[in-house]
Amino acid sequence: MSAPSAQNLATRLRQVRLARRADQTPKLPATWDVIKVGLTVPTIAWLAVLVVVVITKAAAGAGFSGLGAATAAGWLIANQTPLTIGGVAIGVLPLVPTLLVGFGTYRVVRRATVDATSFNELLRIAGTAVLGPLLATALALAVVADGASSGPVGNPAPLGAFGMTVVVHGVAAIGGLLPRVTQPFLDEFAIPASDRVGARAGTAAFFVLIAGGGIAVFAGFVAHFGAVADILGLGNTFDGYLGLTVLSILYLPNVVVSAAAVTAGASATLGGLTVDAFSTHPGTLPPVPIAGVVPTSDLGPWGAVLFAVPLVGGVLLGWYTRSDDVVAHLRAVGVGASVASGLMVVAVALSGGRLGEMGQAGVSVPLAGVFTLTALGVTALLTVGVLWLRSSTAGRSTRRSSAIVADDPDELVAEDEDLEADDPDIDGSPEDDDAAADDDRDDQADPEWDVAEPARDSDAAV
């Protein structure tokens, strides 16, 4: 056997080095990728708030003092942290910035988990997506505290600020993880199909309520366009008109959520005014154009139209969860109504709060949950009953028609006629009948007929 050449040894050594490098390739995301997950949303949000603050100050002709505190306050507002501005506590914060930063965290986590190969890696990505905003909140608290002595923004509660940041970005991060962990979770814990269907139906029913609230707000805008225009006219200048319009857009989801809760039967408060589907208690409204869509007098019969929204949602819930098993159907309805009620509670809690010296704004959180659960649950149960009666009636009709068909005399007569037509002994000609009679007489005359006849039959059969 010949000794290996120097060229072969060099080739083998090179292959060994390449294999070692491949084994040493990191399986987890690089540090820079993790940093991007944690800092992308806070960086973009701070820059966006900074641009808005600069434009606002420039349009108002004010100086740029307090720019950092205003930017930090914008980040806290986006994370639903109550603030004190000019000595007035503002607990009702716009939902549009919150939805934007939450959607940003969701997209970042969704993209970062595409190539993840382990559950630990998924958790690390989600944790980093929450840790980055927490660091940004800590920085915002420090900046606001530094400028609180000379600026209008007071110090917020640190615990509340951190808690709301975790809630906003934690929920968004979990939403980004769901496409990767939902199916393994369902397989691991064997979640019943009725619960899965009920959760999907409950989510759909919740968005039906939100869509109904949006339609109600649009109808209020059309019906009270004059009041909206009057409030908008308080801006006096283009800058004022623009500011009031932007403020109304930012608070639009808050009003839609409150309207959705009203369609379910709850009552909403805005300043000194309280409104439900049938009655309105007038009061002072905040000078914001979006407040002009709120009715200032009783809706009368038109208020009953609002209950069509939970009716549609309940019918959808009951129909989507339909099943031949009544118990499974009822369980799915219960899960769906509970999911919709929970989502409504979260939405109402985020959209309402204290409106400074004007009082409260929004809907009572417990009442919103109870009314949503009741409205959707009762309607869905009625739908279950209708579907069950329909299936039972259809089953009885099918069985009855089957019995009638089996015992119909006309059908029996027709079957007998068909049998007679197919029987050659019945449908034979007269000549055949005479020949058969002669054969019978001949056989009876034969003393061996009793034995020969069966033998002849068996031969014919063979």
Protein backbone atom coordinates (compact mmCIF):
# COMPACT_ATOMS: atom_id res chain seq x y z
CA MET A 1 0.00 0.00 0.00
CA SER A 2 1.53 3.30 -1.09
CA ALA A 3 2.05 6.11 1.40
CA PRO A 4 -0.27 9.14 1.06
CA SER A 5 1.18 12.02 -0.85
CA ALA A 6 1.68 15.50 0.57
CA GLN A 7 -1.14 16.82 -1.63
CA ASN A 8 -3.64 14.29 -0.25
CA LEU A 9 -2.67 15.14 3.34
CA ALA A 10 -3.12 18.85 2.68
CA THR A 11 -6.56 18.21 1.18
CA ARG A 12 -7.65 16.14 4.18
CA LEU A 13 -6.40 18.73 6.65
CA ARG A 14 -8.31 21.42 4.79
CA GLN A 15 -11.50 19.35 4.96
CA VAL A 16 -11.03 18.86 8.71
CA ARG A 17 -10.62 22.61 9.24
CA LEU A 18 -13.77 23.36 7.22
CA ALA A 19 -15.75 20.79 9.22
CA ARG A 20 -14.59 22.33 12.50
CA ARG A 21 -15.60 25.80 11.31
CA ALA A 22 -19.03 24.50 10.35
CA ASP A 23 -19.45 22.96 13.80
CA GLN A 24 -18.43 26.22 15.44
CA THR A 25 -21.04 28.28 13.52
CA PRO A 26 -23.36 29.90 16.11
CA LYS A 27 -26.83 28.40 16.16
CA LEU A 28 -28.40 31.38 18.00
CA PRO A 29 -28.96 34.79 16.41
CA ALA A 30 -26.03 37.14 16.43
CA THR A 31 -25.81 39.80 19.12
CA TRP A 32 -26.59 42.54 16.62
CA ASP A 33 -29.78 40.78 15.55
CA VAL A 34 -30.92 40.61 19.16
CA ILE A 35 -30.12 44.30 19.63
CA LYS A 36 -32.21 45.15 16.58
CA VAL A 37 -35.17 43.26 18.01
CA GLY A 38 -34.99 45.21 21.26
CA LEU A 39 -34.24 48.69 19.95
CA THR A 40 -36.00 48.95 16.59
CA VAL A 41 -39.43 49.93 17.90
CA PRO A 42 -38.24 52.36 20.64
CA THR A 43 -35.84 54.10 18.25
CA ILE A 44 -38.41 54.59 15.51
CA ALA A 45 -41.06 55.68 18.02
CA TRP A 46 -38.78 58.25 19.67
CA LEU A 47 -37.77 59.68 16.28
CA ALA A 48 -41.42 59.91 15.18
CA VAL A 49 -42.43 61.66 18.40
CA LEU A 50 -39.47 64.01 18.07
CA VAL A 51 -40.52 64.99 14.55
CA VAL A 52 -44.10 65.64 15.68
CA VAL A 53 -42.96 67.74 18.64
CA VAL A 54 -40.58 69.79 16.48
CA ILE A 55 -43.29 70.45 13.88
CA THR A 56 -45.78 71.41 16.58
CA LYS A 57 -43.39 73.82 18.28
CA ALA A 58 -42.34 75.33 14.97
CA ALA A 59 -45.96 75.82 13.88
CA ALA A 60 -46.82 77.43 17.20
CA GLY A 61 -43.81 79.74 17.00
CA ALA A 62 -42.50 78.51 20.35
CA GLY A 63 -38.91 77.81 21.23
CA PHE A 64 -37.36 74.39 21.42
CA SER A 65 -36.87 74.37 25.15
CA GLY A 66 -38.26 71.28 26.83
CA LEU A 67 -37.91 69.30 23.60
CA GLY A 68 -36.51 66.24 25.36
CA ALA A 69 -39.20 66.17 28.05
CA ALA A 70 -41.95 66.49 25.45
CA THR A 71 -40.46 63.65 23.40
CA ALA A 72 -40.15 61.44 26.46
CA ALA A 73 -43.75 62.24 27.41
CA GLY A 74 -44.83 61.17 23.92
CA TRP A 75 -43.21 57.77 24.43
CA LEU A 76 -44.95 57.38 27.79
CA ILE A 77 -48.29 58.35 26.23
CA ALA A 78 -47.78 55.71 23.53
CA ASN A 79 -47.41 53.17 26.33
CA GLN A 80 -50.61 54.29 28.08
CA THR A 81 -48.85 55.87 31.06
CA PRO A 82 -51.08 58.49 32.77
CA LEU A 83 -49.46 61.92 32.95
CA THR A 84 -49.95 65.18 34.78
CA ILE A 85 -49.72 68.14 32.40
CA GLY A 86 -50.01 71.62 33.83
CA GLY A 87 -51.30 70.21 37.09
CA VAL A 88 -54.15 68.33 35.35
CA ALA A 89 -54.13 64.52 35.46
CA ILE A 90 -54.75 62.97 32.04
CA GLY A 91 -55.70 59.31 32.22
CA VAL A 92 -57.53 59.00 28.89
CA LEU A 93 -54.71 58.52 26.40
CA PRO A 94 -55.10 58.05 22.63
CA LEU A 95 -55.03 54.48 21.36
CA VAL A 96 -53.56 55.18 17.92
CA PRO A 97 -49.93 55.55 19.15
CA THR A 98 -50.37 52.48 21.34
CA LEU A 99 -51.64 50.43 18.42
CA LEU A 100 -48.74 51.61 16.26
CA VAL A 101 -45.97 50.71 18.72
CA GLY A 102 -47.72 47.42 19.53
CA PHE A 103 -47.94 46.56 15.85
CA GLY A 104 -44.26 47.42 15.45
CA THR A 105 -43.27 45.01 18.23
CA TYR A 106 -45.50 42.35 16.72
CA ARG A 107 -43.87 42.67 13.30
CA VAL A 108 -40.33 42.66 14.71
CA VAL A 109 -40.96 39.51 16.74
CA ARG A 110 -42.77 37.83 13.85
CA ARG A 111 -39.84 38.38 11.50
CA ALA A 112 -37.18 37.47 14.05
CA THR A 113 -38.80 34.13 14.88
CA VAL A 114 -39.01 32.90 11.30
CA ASP A 115 -35.60 31.18 11.49
CA ALA A 116 -35.77 30.28 15.20
CA THR A 117 -35.12 26.59 15.82
CA SER A 118 -35.83 26.15 19.53
CA PHE A 119 -38.30 27.27 22.16
CA ASN A 120 -35.53 28.94 24.18
CA GLU A 121 -34.63 31.04 21.19
CA LEU A 122 -38.25 32.11 20.79
CA LEU A 123 -38.39 33.15 24.44
CA ARG A 124 -35.16 35.10 24.13
CA ILE A 125 -36.47 37.02 21.13
CA ALA A 126 -39.75 37.84 22.88
CA GLY A 127 -37.96 38.87 26.07
CA THR A 128 -35.61 41.15 24.15
CA ALA A 129 -38.58 42.74 22.36
CA VAL A 130 -40.00 43.69 25.77
CA LEU A 131 -36.69 44.59 27.43
CA GLY A 132 -35.87 47.24 24.82
CA PRO A 133 -39.07 49.25 25.42
CA LEU A 134 -38.53 48.92 29.18
CA LEU A 135 -35.12 50.57 28.81
CA ALA A 136 -36.72 53.30 26.70
CA THR A 137 -39.34 53.84 29.41
CA ALA A 138 -36.64 54.13 32.06
CA LEU A 139 -34.89 56.74 29.92
CA ALA A 140 -38.17 58.61 29.41
CA LEU A 141 -38.85 58.68 33.14
CA ALA A 142 -35.39 60.09 33.78
CA VAL A 143 -35.79 62.80 31.11
CA VAL A 144 -39.25 63.79 32.38
CA ALA A 145 -38.00 63.92 35.97
CA ASP A 146 -35.12 66.14 34.89
CA GLY A 147 -37.44 68.63 33.20
CA ALA A 148 -40.32 68.44 35.67
CA SER A 149 -39.03 71.37 37.71
CA SER A 150 -39.19 73.76 34.76
CA GLY A 151 -41.69 72.12 32.41
CA PRO A 152 -45.44 71.43 32.46
CA VAL A 153 -45.08 67.62 32.52
CA GLY A 154 -45.12 66.12 36.00
CA ASN A 155 -43.46 62.94 37.20
CA PRO A 156 -45.57 59.85 36.43
CA ALA A 157 -45.67 56.79 38.66
CA PRO A 158 -42.65 54.63 37.69
CA LEU A 159 -44.35 51.36 38.61
CA GLY A 160 -47.36 52.15 36.45
CA ALA A 161 -45.13 53.23 33.55
CA PHE A 162 -43.14 49.99 33.61
CA GLY A 163 -46.27 47.91 34.08
CA MET A 164 -48.08 49.40 31.09
CA THR A 165 -44.95 49.04 28.95
CA VAL A 166 -44.80 45.35 29.79
CA VAL A 167 -48.51 44.95 29.01
CA VAL A 168 -48.40 46.74 25.64
CA HIS A 169 -45.23 45.15 24.28
CA GLY A 170 -45.74 41.83 26.05
CA VAL A 171 -49.10 41.30 24.38
CA ALA A 172 -47.62 42.33 21.03
CA ALA A 173 -44.66 39.96 21.47
CA ILE A 174 -46.98 37.08 22.35
CA GLY A 175 -48.97 37.86 19.22
CA GLY A 176 -45.77 37.61 17.20
CA LEU A 177 -44.96 34.23 18.76
CA LEU A 178 -48.39 32.71 18.19
CA PRO A 179 -47.77 31.48 14.61
CA ARG A 180 -44.78 29.47 15.86
CA VAL A 181 -46.07 28.14 19.18
CA THR A 182 -49.83 27.71 18.67
CA GLN A 183 -49.82 24.33 16.97
CA PRO A 184 -47.17 22.75 19.25
CA PHE A 185 -49.09 24.08 22.27
CA LEU A 186 -52.36 22.60 21.05
CA ASP A 187 -50.69 19.27 20.31
CA GLU A 188 -48.92 19.16 23.67
CA PHE A 189 -51.95 19.93 25.85
CA ALA A 190 -54.65 18.38 23.63
CA ILE A 191 -56.95 21.40 23.61
CA PRO A 192 -60.46 20.26 22.54
CA ALA A 193 -61.62 21.31 19.11
CA SER A 194 -64.68 23.00 20.63
CA ASP A 195 -62.42 25.34 22.63
CA ARG A 196 -60.36 26.24 19.57
CA VAL A 197 -63.43 26.95 17.46
CA GLY A 198 -65.01 28.89 20.30
CA ALA A 199 -61.94 31.08 20.74
CA ARG A 200 -61.87 31.93 17.03
CA ALA A 201 -65.59 32.63 16.99
CA GLY A 202 -65.33 34.82 20.10
CA THR A 203 -62.57 36.87 18.53
CA ALA A 204 -64.66 37.31 15.39
CA ALA A 205 -67.69 38.34 17.48
CA PHE A 206 -65.57 40.93 19.31
CA PHE A 207 -64.50 42.49 16.02
CA VAL A 208 -68.14 42.50 14.92
CA LEU A 209 -68.87 44.68 17.96
CA ILE A 210 -65.92 46.94 17.12
CA ALA A 211 -67.13 47.25 13.53
CA GLY A 212 -70.60 48.10 14.79
CA GLY A 213 -69.11 50.75 17.06
CA GLY A 214 -67.30 52.23 14.07
CA ILE A 215 -70.53 52.35 12.08
CA ALA A 216 -72.29 54.03 15.00
CA VAL A 217 -69.53 56.66 15.25
CA PHE A 218 -69.75 57.35 11.51
CA ALA A 219 -73.54 57.69 11.76
CA GLY A 220 -73.07 60.13 14.64
CA PHE A 221 -70.58 62.11 12.57
CA VAL A 222 -73.07 62.41 9.72
CA ALA A 223 -75.99 63.25 12.02
CA HIS A 224 -74.05 65.82 14.08
CA PHE A 225 -71.79 67.24 11.40
CA GLY A 226 -72.79 70.76 12.38
CA ALA A 227 -71.68 70.26 15.98
CA VAL A 228 -68.36 68.78 14.81
CA ALA A 229 -67.79 71.75 12.52
CA ASP A 230 -68.58 74.21 15.33
CA ILE A 231 -66.00 72.61 17.64
CA LEU A 232 -63.45 72.51 14.84
CA GLY A 233 -64.04 76.21 14.26
CA LEU A 234 -62.64 76.92 17.72
CA GLY A 235 -59.18 76.38 16.26
CA ASN A 236 -59.36 79.85 14.62
CA THR A 237 -56.22 79.29 12.52
CA PHE A 238 -54.94 76.59 10.22
CA ASP A 239 -52.62 75.33 12.92
CA GLY A 240 -55.53 75.10 15.32
CA TYR A 241 -57.70 73.28 12.79
CA LEU A 242 -54.90 70.84 12.06
CA GLY A 243 -54.19 70.23 15.74
CA LEU A 244 -57.83 69.53 16.60
CA THR A 245 -58.19 67.24 13.58
CA VAL A 246 -55.08 65.23 14.48
CA LEU A 247 -56.21 65.02 18.10
CA SER A 248 -59.60 63.69 17.01
CA ILE A 249 -57.96 61.06 14.81
CA LEU A 250 -55.73 59.94 17.67
CA TYR A 251 -58.74 59.49 19.96
CA LEU A 252 -60.98 57.89 17.32
CA PRO A 253 -60.35 54.26 18.45
CA ASN A 254 -61.24 55.26 22.02
CA VAL A 255 -64.64 56.51 20.90
CA VAL A 256 -65.20 53.44 18.71
CA VAL A 257 -64.53 51.08 21.63
CA SER A 258 -66.95 53.01 23.85
CA ALA A 259 -69.59 52.92 21.11
CA ALA A 260 -69.10 49.15 20.75
CA ALA A 261 -69.70 48.72 24.48
CA VAL A 262 -72.85 50.86 24.21
CA THR A 263 -74.22 48.60 21.46
CA ALA A 264 -73.86 45.68 23.89
CA GLY A 265 -75.99 47.53 26.46
CA ALA A 266 -73.48 49.44 28.61
CA SER A 267 -73.49 53.20 29.22
CA ALA A 268 -70.61 55.50 28.29
CA THR A 269 -69.44 58.69 29.98
CA LEU A 270 -67.68 61.61 28.33
CA GLY A 271 -67.05 64.57 30.56
CA GLY A 272 -70.37 65.43 32.16
CA LEU A 273 -72.46 63.52 29.60
CA THR A 274 -73.69 59.95 29.99
CA VAL A 275 -75.27 58.06 27.09
CA ASP A 276 -76.68 54.60 26.46
CA ALA A 277 -78.80 53.07 23.73
CA PHE A 278 -82.07 54.69 24.88
CA SER A 279 -81.30 57.69 27.08
CA THR A 280 -78.85 60.56 27.31
CA HIS A 281 -78.01 62.70 30.33
CA PRO A 282 -76.62 65.99 28.97
CA GLY A 283 -73.46 67.52 30.32
CA THR A 284 -70.31 69.42 29.37
CA LEU A 285 -68.29 67.88 26.55
CA PRO A 286 -64.54 68.36 25.97
CA PRO A 287 -63.76 70.83 23.15
CA VAL A 288 -62.54 68.17 20.73
CA PRO A 289 -64.26 67.60 17.35
CA ILE A 290 -64.57 63.85 17.92
CA ALA A 291 -66.77 64.61 20.94
CA GLY A 292 -69.33 66.15 18.59
CA VAL A 293 -70.43 62.71 17.36
CA VAL A 294 -71.87 61.89 20.79
CA PRO A 295 -75.66 62.42 20.90
CA THR A 296 -76.83 65.12 23.29
CA SER A 297 -80.48 63.96 23.35
CA ASP A 298 -82.30 60.65 23.64
CA LEU A 299 -82.03 58.40 20.59
CA GLY A 300 -85.59 57.10 20.96
CA PRO A 301 -86.53 54.21 18.65
CA TRP A 302 -83.24 54.59 16.78
CA GLY A 303 -81.44 53.36 19.87
CA ALA A 304 -82.93 49.90 19.36
CA VAL A 305 -81.04 49.68 16.07
CA LEU A 306 -77.80 49.54 18.05
CA PHE A 307 -78.77 46.14 19.44
CA ALA A 308 -78.55 44.72 15.93
CA VAL A 309 -74.76 44.71 16.39
CA PRO A 310 -74.59 42.15 19.25
CA LEU A 311 -77.40 40.27 17.53
CA VAL A 312 -75.21 39.78 14.46
CA GLY A 313 -72.23 38.92 16.64
CA GLY A 314 -74.21 36.36 18.65
CA VAL A 315 -75.67 34.73 15.55
CA LEU A 316 -72.18 34.51 14.07
CA LEU A 317 -70.91 32.96 17.29
CA GLY A 318 -73.70 30.38 17.41
CA TRP A 319 -73.49 29.52 13.71
CA TYR A 320 -69.69 29.30 13.49
CA THR A 321 -69.51 26.89 16.43
CA ARG A 322 -72.30 24.62 15.12
CA SER A 323 -71.85 20.91 15.83
CA ASP A 324 -73.89 17.72 15.85
CA ASP A 325 -72.92 17.32 19.51
CA VAL A 326 -75.10 19.76 21.46
CA VAL A 327 -72.81 19.68 24.50
CA ALA A 328 -69.75 20.53 22.40
CA HIS A 329 -71.73 23.28 20.69
CA LEU A 330 -72.74 24.83 24.01
CA ARG A 331 -69.18 24.61 25.31
CA ALA A 332 -67.83 26.36 22.22
CA VAL A 333 -70.43 29.11 22.64
CA GLY A 334 -69.41 29.60 26.27
CA VAL A 335 -65.73 29.83 25.35
CA GLY A 336 -66.46 32.26 22.52
CA ALA A 337 -68.61 34.56 24.66
CA SER A 338 -65.94 34.56 27.37
CA VAL A 339 -63.17 35.40 24.89
CA ALA A 340 -65.19 38.26 23.39
CA SER A 341 -66.00 39.58 26.87
CA GLY A 342 -62.34 39.44 27.90
CA LEU A 343 -61.23 41.30 24.80
CA MET A 344 -63.87 43.95 25.41
CA VAL A 345 -62.70 44.38 29.01
CA VAL A 346 -59.10 44.95 27.85
CA ALA A 347 -60.17 47.39 25.13
CA VAL A 348 -62.41 49.38 27.49
CA ALA A 349 -59.72 49.50 30.18
CA LEU A 350 -57.19 50.93 27.72
CA SER A 351 -59.57 53.39 26.07
CA GLY A 352 -61.01 55.04 29.19
CA GLY A 353 -59.82 56.90 32.26
CA ARG A 354 -59.88 60.25 33.97
CA LEU A 355 -60.31 63.32 31.78
CA GLY A 356 -58.71 65.91 34.00
CA GLU A 357 -61.13 68.26 35.69
CA MET A 358 -63.99 67.20 33.39
CA GLY A 359 -64.44 63.84 35.07
CA GLN A 360 -64.32 60.37 33.57
CA ALA A 361 -64.36 59.19 29.98
CA GLY A 362 -65.19 55.72 28.73
CA VAL A 363 -67.21 52.77 29.99
CA SER A 364 -67.21 50.94 33.30
CA VAL A 365 -64.88 47.96 32.81
CA PRO A 366 -66.91 45.36 34.78
CA LEU A 367 -70.19 46.42 33.18
CA ALA A 368 -68.68 46.24 29.70
CA GLY A 369 -67.59 42.66 30.32
CA VAL A 370 -70.93 41.60 31.80
CA PHE A 371 -73.04 43.19 29.07
CA THR A 372 -70.85 41.78 26.29
CA LEU A 373 -70.97 38.29 27.78
CA THR A 374 -74.74 38.47 28.24
CA ALA A 375 -75.61 39.98 24.86
CA LEU A 376 -73.46 37.62 22.82
CA GLY A 377 -74.14 34.57 24.99
CA VAL A 378 -77.93 34.86 24.98
CA THR A 379 -78.08 35.50 21.23
CA ALA A 380 -75.71 32.61 20.54
CA LEU A 381 -77.77 30.27 22.75
CA LEU A 382 -80.92 31.22 20.84
CA THR A 383 -79.05 30.45 17.63
CA VAL A 384 -78.04 27.06 19.04
CA GLY A 385 -81.69 26.34 19.84
CA VAL A 386 -82.84 27.30 16.36
CA LEU A 387 -80.17 25.15 14.72
CA TRP A 388 -81.04 22.20 16.98
CA LEU A 389 -84.77 22.48 16.23
CA ARG A 390 -84.04 22.75 12.53
CA SER A 391 -81.85 19.65 12.54
CA SER A 392 -84.39 17.73 14.65
CA THR A 393 -87.26 18.70 12.34
CA ALA A 394 -85.25 17.76 9.28
CA GLY A 395 -84.39 14.39 10.85
CA ARG A 396 -88.03 13.61 11.66
CA SER A 397 -89.12 14.63 8.17
CA THR A 398 -86.51 12.33 6.64
CA ARG A 399 -87.57 9.37 8.79
CA ARG A 400 -91.26 10.03 8.10
CA SER A 401 -90.73 10.24 4.35
CA SER A 402 -88.70 7.01 4.46
CA ALA A 403 -91.53 5.23 6.29
CA ILE A 404 -94.14 6.54 3.85
CA VAL A 405 -92.13 5.37 0.88
CA ALA A 406 -91.73 1.87 2.39
CA ASP A 407 -95.49 1.43 3.08
CA ASP A 408 -96.94 3.14 0.00
CA PRO A 409 -99.52 0.71 -1.57
CA ASP A 410 -98.92 2.09 -5.04
CA GLU A 411 -95.23 1.31 -4.75
CA LEU A 412 -95.97 -2.22 -3.52
CA VAL A 413 -98.37 -2.83 -6.44
CA ALA A 414 -95.77 -1.56 -8.87
CA GLU A 415 -93.17 -3.90 -7.37
CA ASP A 416 -95.58 -6.88 -7.73
CA GLU A 417 -96.21 -6.00 -11.36
CA ASP A 418 -92.48 -5.87 -12.00
CA LEU A 419 -92.02 -9.28 -10.39
CA GLU A 420 -94.83 -10.75 -12.48
CA ALA A 421 -93.32 -9.31 -15.64
CA ASP A 422 -89.97 -10.89 -14.85
CA ASP A 423 -91.37 -14.39 -13.92
CA PRO A 424 -91.43 -16.68 -17.02
CA ASP A 425 -93.95 -19.03 -15.41
CA ILE A 426 -96.43 -16.21 -14.89
CA ASP A 427 -95.89 -14.45 -18.17
CA GLY A 428 -95.93 -17.65 -20.33
CA SER A 429 -97.99 -18.11 -23.52
CA PRO A 430 -101.15 -20.38 -23.71
CA GLU A 431 -99.25 -22.95 -25.74
CA ASP A 432 -96.61 -23.20 -23.07
CA ASP A 433 -99.31 -23.66 -20.43
CA ASP A 434 -100.90 -26.57 -22.40
CA ALA A 435 -97.51 -28.23 -22.88
CA ALA A 436 -96.77 -27.92 -19.20
CA ALA A 437 -100.15 -29.51 -18.34
CA ASP A 438 -99.47 -32.47 -20.68
CA ASP A 439 -96.07 -32.99 -19.07
CA ASP A 440 -97.67 -33.05 -15.64
CA ARG A 441 -100.21 -35.72 -16.71
CA ASP A 442 -97.47 -37.84 -18.27
CA ASP A 443 -95.39 -37.56 -15.13
CA GLN A 444 -98.30 -38.56 -12.90
CA ALA A 445 -98.90 -41.64 -15.10
CA ASP A 446 -95.29 -42.68 -14.68
CA PRO A 447 -94.86 -44.87 -11.57
CA GLU A 448 -91.33 -43.48 -11.07
CA TRP A 449 -92.47 -39.80 -11.13
CA ASP A 450 -91.81 -39.22 -7.49
CA VAL A 451 -88.18 -40.17 -7.94
CA ALA A 452 -87.50 -39.09 -11.51
CA GLU A 453 -88.91 -35.63 -11.13
CA PRO A 454 -86.46 -34.46 -8.45
CA ALA A 455 -83.60 -36.04 -10.38
CA ARG A 456 -84.65 -34.16 -13.50
CA ASP A 457 -84.81 -30.92 -11.54
CA SER A 458 -81.35 -31.41 -10.14
CA ASP A 459 -79.99 -32.22 -13.60
CA ALA A 460 -81.50 -29.04 -14.91
CA ALA A 461 -79.97 -27.12 -12.07
CA VAL A 462 -76.57 -28.60 -12.88
